[in-house]
Amino acid sequence: MAKLTSEIKLSIELDENRVPEKLSFTAADGGVENQDSKAIMLSVWDADKQESLRIDLWTKDMPVDQMKIFFHQTLVSMSESYKRATQDEKMALTMKDFCDYFAEKLDLKK
């Protein structure tokens, strides 16, 4: 039986100084085709080196206020992912508390 595969494609258009001007992604299995984005954060785990590898990109026209919201939402989702992956409720709640503190300090809570 053939193994199933799924592909997520990132497209980055750069200016003459290699600064991202346009970001988009395609995830056919999720029904997404060339979805525009202003920022991308991707982390992968290198099990041999026991370290994470990251790609953090944002377009030069990404508004700072949106970047702050993006970081906050990313931190919240990381705390939820951490809980699902480890079943460590106590640390997940601690991380969530930090997310609340982060939002408060950046005046993101409405």
C-alpha atoms as a PDB file:
ATOM      1  CA  MET A   1       0.000   0.000   0.000  1.00  0.00           C
ATOM      2  CA  ALA A   2       1.348   3.424  -0.973  1.00  0.00           C
ATOM      3  CA  LYS A   3       1.998   5.935   1.767  1.00  0.00           C
ATOM      4  CA  LEU A   4      -0.068   9.084   1.738  1.00  0.00           C
ATOM      5  CA  THR A   5       1.735  12.388   1.516  1.00  0.00           C
ATOM      6  CA  SER A   6       0.638  15.971   1.899  1.00  0.00           C
ATOM      7  CA  GLU A   7       2.464  19.078   0.792  1.00  0.00           C
ATOM      8  CA  ILE A   8       2.488  22.620   2.135  1.00  0.00           C
ATOM      9  CA  LYS A   9       4.165  25.121  -0.154  1.00  0.00           C
ATOM     10  CA  LEU A  10       5.525  28.512   0.912  1.00  0.00           C
ATOM     11  CA  SER A  11       6.173  31.173  -1.718  1.00  0.00           C
ATOM     12  CA  ILE A  12       8.300  34.211  -0.928  1.00  0.00           C
ATOM     13  CA  GLU A  13       8.732  37.130  -3.312  1.00  0.00           C
ATOM     14  CA  LEU A  14      11.840  39.176  -2.499  1.00  0.00           C
ATOM     15  CA  ASP A  15      12.899  42.695  -3.389  1.00  0.00           C
ATOM     16  CA  GLU A  16      16.340  43.507  -4.793  1.00  0.00           C
ATOM     17  CA  ASN A  17      17.782  43.397  -1.239  1.00  0.00           C
ATOM     18  CA  ARG A  18      16.247  39.945  -0.616  1.00  0.00           C
ATOM     19  CA  VAL A  19      13.674  41.383   1.806  1.00  0.00           C
ATOM     20  CA  PRO A  20      10.272  39.647   1.618  1.00  0.00           C
ATOM     21  CA  GLU A  21       7.679  41.696  -0.243  1.00  0.00           C
ATOM     22  CA  LYS A  22       4.995  39.048  -0.606  1.00  0.00           C
ATOM     23  CA  LEU A  23       4.350  35.779   1.222  1.00  0.00           C
ATOM     24  CA  SER A  24       1.813  33.132   0.310  1.00  0.00           C
ATOM     25  CA  PHE A  25       1.148  29.490   1.056  1.00  0.00           C
ATOM     26  CA  THR A  26      -0.669  26.591  -0.515  1.00  0.00           C
ATOM     27  CA  ALA A  27      -2.028  23.575   1.348  1.00  0.00           C
ATOM     28  CA  ALA A  28      -4.139  21.645  -1.152  1.00  0.00           C
ATOM     29  CA  ASP A  29      -5.376  19.115   1.444  1.00  0.00           C
ATOM     30  CA  GLY A  30      -6.738  22.025   3.470  1.00  0.00           C
ATOM     31  CA  GLY A  31      -8.307  23.691   0.465  1.00  0.00           C
ATOM     32  CA  VAL A  32      -5.852  26.604   0.527  1.00  0.00           C
ATOM     33  CA  GLU A  33      -4.401  27.916  -2.730  1.00  0.00           C
ATOM     34  CA  ASN A  34      -1.917  30.821  -2.810  1.00  0.00           C
ATOM     35  CA  GLN A  35      -3.243  32.400   0.400  1.00  0.00           C
ATOM     36  CA  ASP A  36      -1.540  35.737   1.005  1.00  0.00           C
ATOM     37  CA  SER A  37       0.135  36.305   4.339  1.00  0.00           C
ATOM     38  CA  LYS A  38       2.156  39.089   5.947  1.00  0.00           C
ATOM     39  CA  ALA A  39       4.153  36.807   8.277  1.00  0.00           C
ATOM     40  CA  ILE A  40       5.221  33.176   8.589  1.00  0.00           C
ATOM     41  CA  MET A  41       6.812  31.355  11.516  1.00  0.00           C
ATOM     42  CA  LEU A  42       7.892  27.779  10.919  1.00  0.00           C
ATOM     43  CA  SER A  43       9.661  25.533  13.421  1.00  0.00           C
ATOM     44  CA  VAL A  44      10.981  22.060  12.719  1.00  0.00           C
ATOM     45  CA  TRP A  45      12.714  19.617  15.047  1.00  0.00           C
ATOM     46  CA  ASP A  46      16.119  18.144  14.173  1.00  0.00           C
ATOM     47  CA  ALA A  47      16.102  14.976  16.274  1.00  0.00           C
ATOM     48  CA  ASP A  48      19.756  14.164  15.534  1.00  0.00           C
ATOM     49  CA  LYS A  49      21.027  17.534  16.763  1.00  0.00           C
ATOM     50  CA  GLN A  50      18.280  17.865  19.403  1.00  0.00           C
ATOM     51  CA  GLU A  51      17.485  21.398  18.335  1.00  0.00           C
ATOM     52  CA  SER A  52      14.744  23.355  16.663  1.00  0.00           C
ATOM     53  CA  LEU A  53      15.269  25.037  13.338  1.00  0.00           C
ATOM     54  CA  ARG A  54      13.204  28.090  12.481  1.00  0.00           C
ATOM     55  CA  ILE A  55      12.162  30.250   9.613  1.00  0.00           C
ATOM     56  CA  ASP A  56      10.641  33.572  10.639  1.00  0.00           C
ATOM     57  CA  LEU A  57       9.636  35.842   7.773  1.00  0.00           C
ATOM     58  CA  TRP A  58       7.479  38.914   7.463  1.00  0.00           C
ATOM     59  CA  THR A  59       6.881  41.382   4.681  1.00  0.00           C
ATOM     60  CA  LYS A  60       8.341  44.844   4.925  1.00  0.00           C
ATOM     61  CA  ASP A  61       4.819  46.279   5.000  1.00  0.00           C
ATOM     62  CA  MET A  62       3.645  44.138   7.947  1.00  0.00           C
ATOM     63  CA  PRO A  63       2.156  46.662  10.420  1.00  0.00           C
ATOM     64  CA  VAL A  64       3.733  46.564  13.885  1.00  0.00           C
ATOM     65  CA  ASP A  65       0.320  46.446  15.598  1.00  0.00           C
ATOM     66  CA  GLN A  66      -0.569  43.343  13.575  1.00  0.00           C
ATOM     67  CA  MET A  67       2.850  41.803  14.360  1.00  0.00           C
ATOM     68  CA  LYS A  68       2.123  42.154  18.078  1.00  0.00           C
ATOM     69  CA  ILE A  69      -1.226  40.390  17.653  1.00  0.00           C
ATOM     70  CA  PHE A  70       0.427  37.700  15.498  1.00  0.00           C
ATOM     71  CA  PHE A  71       3.022  37.016  18.203  1.00  0.00           C
ATOM     72  CA  HIS A  72       0.355  36.897  20.916  1.00  0.00           C
ATOM     73  CA  GLN A  73      -1.838  34.476  18.981  1.00  0.00           C
ATOM     74  CA  THR A  74       1.208  32.337  18.149  1.00  0.00           C
ATOM     75  CA  LEU A  75       2.178  32.148  21.826  1.00  0.00           C
ATOM     76  CA  VAL A  76      -1.391  31.172  22.780  1.00  0.00           C
ATOM     77  CA  SER A  77      -1.474  28.430  20.154  1.00  0.00           C
ATOM     78  CA  MET A  78       1.947  27.177  21.288  1.00  0.00           C
ATOM     79  CA  SER A  79       0.665  26.832  24.862  1.00  0.00           C
ATOM     80  CA  GLU A  80      -2.319  24.849  23.566  1.00  0.00           C
ATOM     81  CA  SER A  81      -0.077  22.662  21.393  1.00  0.00           C
ATOM     82  CA  TYR A  82       2.266  22.115  24.330  1.00  0.00           C
ATOM     83  CA  LYS A  83      -0.638  20.870  26.443  1.00  0.00           C
ATOM     84  CA  ARG A  84      -1.848  18.475  23.721  1.00  0.00           C
ATOM     85  CA  ALA A  85       1.670  17.168  23.077  1.00  0.00           C
ATOM     86  CA  THR A  86       2.793  16.702  26.695  1.00  0.00           C
ATOM     87  CA  GLN A  87      -0.383  16.517  28.806  1.00  0.00           C
ATOM     88  CA  ASP A  88       1.443  18.928  31.161  1.00  0.00           C
ATOM     89  CA  GLU A  89      -1.553  20.966  32.329  1.00  0.00           C
ATOM     90  CA  LYS A  90       0.364  22.923  34.963  1.00  0.00           C
ATOM     91  CA  MET A  91       3.004  24.280  32.572  1.00  0.00           C
ATOM     92  CA  ALA A  92       0.401  24.940  29.878  1.00  0.00           C
ATOM     93  CA  LEU A  93      -1.519  27.107  32.347  1.00  0.00           C
ATOM     94  CA  THR A  94       1.707  28.906  33.266  1.00  0.00           C
ATOM     95  CA  MET A  95       2.345  29.579  29.592  1.00  0.00           C
ATOM     96  CA  LYS A  96      -1.241  30.807  29.186  1.00  0.00           C
ATOM     97  CA  ASP A  97      -0.717  33.165  32.153  1.00  0.00           C
ATOM     98  CA  PHE A  98       2.312  34.595  30.358  1.00  0.00           C
ATOM     99  CA  CYS A  99       0.190  35.054  27.211  1.00  0.00           C
ATOM    100  CA  ASP A 100      -2.329  37.028  29.252  1.00  0.00           C
ATOM    101  CA  TYR A 101       0.507  39.135  30.723  1.00  0.00           C
ATOM    102  CA  PHE A 102       1.940  39.673  27.224  1.00  0.00           C
ATOM    103  CA  ALA A 103      -1.450  40.839  25.911  1.00  0.00           C
ATOM    104  CA  GLU A 104      -1.952  43.118  28.898  1.00  0.00           C
ATOM    105  CA  LYS A 105       1.467  44.767  28.536  1.00  0.00           C
ATOM    106  CA  LEU A 106       0.894  45.334  24.806  1.00  0.00           C
ATOM    107  CA  ASP A 107      -2.634  46.566  25.493  1.00  0.00           C
ATOM    108  CA  LEU A 108      -4.100  43.862  23.227  1.00  0.00           C
ATOM    109  CA  LYS A 109      -7.004  43.008  25.536  1.00  0.00           C
ATOM    110  CA  LYS A 110     -10.169  44.753  24.509  1.00  0.00           C
END
